Amino acid sequence: MNPPKTIGPMTKVGLEIAIEPPPGNPAETVSRVSFDFIFGIGVDGLSGLEMHLSGRKAGETIMVEVEPGAMDELMGHLGCNLMKTIAQRPPFVIKILVKSVTPAEPREVVRAMAANTECGCDCGCGCF
């Protein structure tokens, strides 16, 4: 099976994410995380982040400015897992490098969908 050329439904996406304070912010801390997920399996449809990534290819970089109060809408169901690894809160700029785009195996899709239901919190991630 050939890997897909662009991010789309049921692709496994590998990202390298850098969270940078906006210009003029005295904080100089940059948070860096690697994050893998299956695209398009959220119960509420695509998250804002997924919409930014749709159609992108491995090797592409995008920048997303995040204002206070906008994080839940941007991250959607991905936020619960991703925000646990980010040390900063908005406002900040997210620099995202698409490291990999591969077909998701059926077992990975089922596992990721099950993980979306395990959170059990009230963080707005879309879990049950």
C-alpha atoms as a PDB file:
ATOM      1  CA  MET A   1       0.000   0.000   0.000  1.00  0.00           C
ATOM      2  CA  ASN A   2       1.426   3.381  -1.020  1.00  0.00           C
ATOM      3  CA  PRO A   3       1.353   6.142   1.578  1.00  0.00           C
ATOM      4  CA  PRO A   4      -1.081   8.967   0.861  1.00  0.00           C
ATOM      5  CA  LYS A   5       0.460  12.125  -0.487  1.00  0.00           C
ATOM      6  CA  THR A   6      -1.699  14.486   1.550  1.00  0.00           C
ATOM      7  CA  ILE A   7      -3.418  14.576   4.932  1.00  0.00           C
ATOM      8  CA  GLY A   8      -7.001  13.364   4.661  1.00  0.00           C
ATOM      9  CA  PRO A   9      -9.518  11.048   6.310  1.00  0.00           C
ATOM     10  CA  MET A  10      -8.090   8.051   8.152  1.00  0.00           C
ATOM     11  CA  THR A  11      -4.453   9.026   7.679  1.00  0.00           C
ATOM     12  CA  LYS A  12      -1.950   8.737  10.500  1.00  0.00           C
ATOM     13  CA  VAL A  13      -0.287  12.106  10.902  1.00  0.00           C
ATOM     14  CA  GLY A  14       2.996  12.747  12.688  1.00  0.00           C
ATOM     15  CA  LEU A  15       3.665  16.332  13.760  1.00  0.00           C
ATOM     16  CA  GLU A  16       6.485  18.238  15.383  1.00  0.00           C
ATOM     17  CA  ILE A  17       4.970  21.175  17.228  1.00  0.00           C
ATOM     18  CA  ALA A  18       6.721  24.236  18.654  1.00  0.00           C
ATOM     19  CA  ILE A  19       4.753  26.615  20.871  1.00  0.00           C
ATOM     20  CA  GLU A  20       6.303  30.082  20.747  1.00  0.00           C
ATOM     21  CA  PRO A  21       5.259  33.196  22.673  1.00  0.00           C
ATOM     22  CA  PRO A  22       3.969  35.970  20.411  1.00  0.00           C
ATOM     23  CA  PRO A  23       6.248  38.893  19.536  1.00  0.00           C
ATOM     24  CA  GLY A  24       6.519  41.307  22.442  1.00  0.00           C
ATOM     25  CA  ASN A  25       5.683  38.644  25.043  1.00  0.00           C
ATOM     26  CA  PRO A  26       8.340  38.613  27.775  1.00  0.00           C
ATOM     27  CA  ALA A  27       8.119  34.811  28.083  1.00  0.00           C
ATOM     28  CA  GLU A  28      10.934  33.186  26.152  1.00  0.00           C
ATOM     29  CA  THR A  29      10.042  29.547  26.754  1.00  0.00           C
ATOM     30  CA  VAL A  30       9.434  27.481  23.640  1.00  0.00           C
ATOM     31  CA  SER A  31       7.621  24.179  24.165  1.00  0.00           C
ATOM     32  CA  ARG A  32       8.372  21.422  21.638  1.00  0.00           C
ATOM     33  CA  VAL A  33       6.413  18.209  21.331  1.00  0.00           C
ATOM     34  CA  SER A  34       5.948  15.382  18.877  1.00  0.00           C
ATOM     35  CA  PHE A  35       2.341  14.385  18.336  1.00  0.00           C
ATOM     36  CA  ASP A  36       0.790  11.569  16.288  1.00  0.00           C
ATOM     37  CA  PHE A  37      -2.923  11.164  15.607  1.00  0.00           C
ATOM     38  CA  ILE A  38      -5.446   9.680  13.199  1.00  0.00           C
ATOM     39  CA  PHE A  39      -6.999  12.420  11.070  1.00  0.00           C
ATOM     40  CA  GLY A  40     -10.786  12.799  10.971  1.00  0.00           C
ATOM     41  CA  ILE A  41     -12.063  10.535  13.745  1.00  0.00           C
ATOM     42  CA  GLY A  42     -13.456  13.138  16.164  1.00  0.00           C
ATOM     43  CA  VAL A  43     -17.090  12.710  17.193  1.00  0.00           C
ATOM     44  CA  ASP A  44     -17.793  16.372  16.381  1.00  0.00           C
ATOM     45  CA  GLY A  45     -16.091  16.337  12.979  1.00  0.00           C
ATOM     46  CA  LEU A  46     -12.768  17.974  12.155  1.00  0.00           C
ATOM     47  CA  SER A  47     -11.087  20.105  14.775  1.00  0.00           C
ATOM     48  CA  GLY A  48      -9.726  23.524  13.841  1.00  0.00           C
ATOM     49  CA  LEU A  49      -6.230  22.045  13.842  1.00  0.00           C
ATOM     50  CA  GLU A  50      -7.301  19.296  11.451  1.00  0.00           C
ATOM     51  CA  MET A  51      -8.835  21.908   9.139  1.00  0.00           C
ATOM     52  CA  HIS A  52      -5.493  23.746   9.070  1.00  0.00           C
ATOM     53  CA  LEU A  53      -3.727  20.470   8.239  1.00  0.00           C
ATOM     54  CA  SER A  54      -6.170  19.090   5.651  1.00  0.00           C
ATOM     55  CA  GLY A  55      -4.467  18.570   2.297  1.00  0.00           C
ATOM     56  CA  ARG A  56      -0.960  19.247   3.661  1.00  0.00           C
ATOM     57  CA  LYS A  57       2.008  17.037   2.804  1.00  0.00           C
ATOM     58  CA  ALA A  58       4.917  15.691   4.815  1.00  0.00           C
ATOM     59  CA  GLY A  59       7.608  18.345   5.057  1.00  0.00           C
ATOM     60  CA  GLU A  60       5.201  21.312   5.079  1.00  0.00           C
ATOM     61  CA  THR A  61       5.227  23.805   7.940  1.00  0.00           C
ATOM     62  CA  ILE A  62       2.329  26.000   9.038  1.00  0.00           C
ATOM     63  CA  MET A  63       1.982  28.704  11.683  1.00  0.00           C
ATOM     64  CA  VAL A  64      -1.207  29.211  13.700  1.00  0.00           C
ATOM     65  CA  GLU A  65      -1.740  32.143  16.058  1.00  0.00           C
ATOM     66  CA  VAL A  66      -3.774  31.179  19.124  1.00  0.00           C
ATOM     67  CA  GLU A  67      -5.508  33.859  21.167  1.00  0.00           C
ATOM     68  CA  PRO A  68      -6.801  33.388  24.728  1.00  0.00           C
ATOM     69  CA  GLY A  69     -10.029  31.387  24.724  1.00  0.00           C
ATOM     70  CA  ALA A  70      -9.457  29.895  21.264  1.00  0.00           C
ATOM     71  CA  MET A  71      -7.589  26.728  22.247  1.00  0.00           C
ATOM     72  CA  ASP A  72     -10.620  24.440  22.735  1.00  0.00           C
ATOM     73  CA  GLU A  73     -12.052  25.312  19.324  1.00  0.00           C
ATOM     74  CA  LEU A  74      -8.671  24.869  17.640  1.00  0.00           C
ATOM     75  CA  MET A  75      -7.804  21.545  19.259  1.00  0.00           C
ATOM     76  CA  GLY A  76     -11.235  19.945  19.637  1.00  0.00           C
ATOM     77  CA  HIS A  77     -10.915  16.245  20.485  1.00  0.00           C
ATOM     78  CA  LEU A  78      -7.122  16.415  20.071  1.00  0.00           C
ATOM     79  CA  GLY A  79      -6.719  18.971  22.847  1.00  0.00           C
ATOM     80  CA  CYS A  80      -6.979  16.644  25.817  1.00  0.00           C
ATOM     81  CA  ASN A  81      -3.917  14.630  24.815  1.00  0.00           C
ATOM     82  CA  LEU A  82      -1.919  17.466  23.288  1.00  0.00           C
ATOM     83  CA  MET A  83      -2.484  20.106  25.968  1.00  0.00           C
ATOM     84  CA  LYS A  84      -1.099  17.788  28.653  1.00  0.00           C
ATOM     85  CA  THR A  85       2.311  18.173  26.988  1.00  0.00           C
ATOM     86  CA  ILE A  86       2.288  21.932  26.360  1.00  0.00           C
ATOM     87  CA  ALA A  87       3.648  24.099  29.158  1.00  0.00           C
ATOM     88  CA  GLN A  88       2.155  27.393  27.931  1.00  0.00           C
ATOM     89  CA  ARG A  89      -1.289  28.923  27.663  1.00  0.00           C
ATOM     90  CA  PRO A  90      -2.432  31.342  24.935  1.00  0.00           C
ATOM     91  CA  PRO A  91      -1.643  33.752  23.480  1.00  0.00           C
ATOM     92  CA  PHE A  92       1.052  31.999  21.502  1.00  0.00           C
ATOM     93  CA  VAL A  93       2.019  30.887  18.015  1.00  0.00           C
ATOM     94  CA  ILE A  94       2.026  27.215  17.069  1.00  0.00           C
ATOM     95  CA  LYS A  95       4.616  26.239  14.467  1.00  0.00           C
ATOM     96  CA  ILE A  96       3.681  22.835  13.052  1.00  0.00           C
ATOM     97  CA  LEU A  97       5.927  20.656  10.904  1.00  0.00           C
ATOM     98  CA  VAL A  98       4.181  17.731   9.215  1.00  0.00           C
ATOM     99  CA  LYS A  99       6.711  14.934   9.779  1.00  0.00           C
ATOM    100  CA  SER A 100       4.753  12.037   8.278  1.00  0.00           C
ATOM    101  CA  VAL A 101       1.517  11.128   6.527  1.00  0.00           C
ATOM    102  CA  THR A 102       0.777   7.407   6.229  1.00  0.00           C
ATOM    103  CA  PRO A 103      -2.303   5.223   5.863  1.00  0.00           C
ATOM    104  CA  ALA A 104      -3.778   4.329   9.252  1.00  0.00           C
ATOM    105  CA  GLU A 105      -4.138   0.624   9.895  1.00  0.00           C
ATOM    106  CA  PRO A 106      -7.672  -0.427  10.918  1.00  0.00           C
ATOM    107  CA  ARG A 107      -6.378  -1.470  14.346  1.00  0.00           C
ATOM    108  CA  GLU A 108      -4.863   2.012  14.867  1.00  0.00           C
ATOM    109  CA  VAL A 109      -8.160   3.672  13.936  1.00  0.00           C
ATOM    110  CA  VAL A 110     -10.123   1.533  16.407  1.00  0.00           C
ATOM    111  CA  ARG A 111      -7.544   2.146  19.145  1.00  0.00           C
ATOM    112  CA  ALA A 112      -7.616   5.917  18.550  1.00  0.00           C
ATOM    113  CA  MET A 113     -11.425   6.017  18.558  1.00  0.00           C
ATOM    114  CA  ALA A 114     -11.481   4.076  21.826  1.00  0.00           C
ATOM    115  CA  ALA A 115      -8.920   6.466  23.327  1.00  0.00           C
ATOM    116  CA  ASN A 116     -11.232   9.386  22.475  1.00  0.00           C
ATOM    117  CA  THR A 117     -13.860   7.863  24.758  1.00  0.00           C
ATOM    118  CA  GLU A 118     -11.498   7.162  27.682  1.00  0.00           C
ATOM    119  CA  CYS A 119     -10.681  10.675  28.816  1.00  0.00           C
ATOM    120  CA  GLY A 120     -13.776  11.099  30.967  1.00  0.00           C
ATOM    121  CA  CYS A 121     -13.002  14.708  31.792  1.00  0.00           C
ATOM    122  CA  ASP A 122     -14.877  17.955  31.279  1.00  0.00           C
ATOM    123  CA  CYS A 123     -12.111  19.541  29.223  1.00  0.00           C
ATOM    124  CA  GLY A 124     -14.234  19.881  26.083  1.00  0.00           C
ATOM    125  CA  CYS A 125     -12.223  17.358  24.085  1.00  0.00           C
ATOM    126  CA  GLY A 126     -15.322  15.562  22.841  1.00  0.00           C
ATOM    127  CA  CYS A 127     -14.916  12.426  24.931  1.00  0.00           C
ATOM    128  CA  PHE A 128     -17.837  10.717  26.624  1.00  0.00           C
END
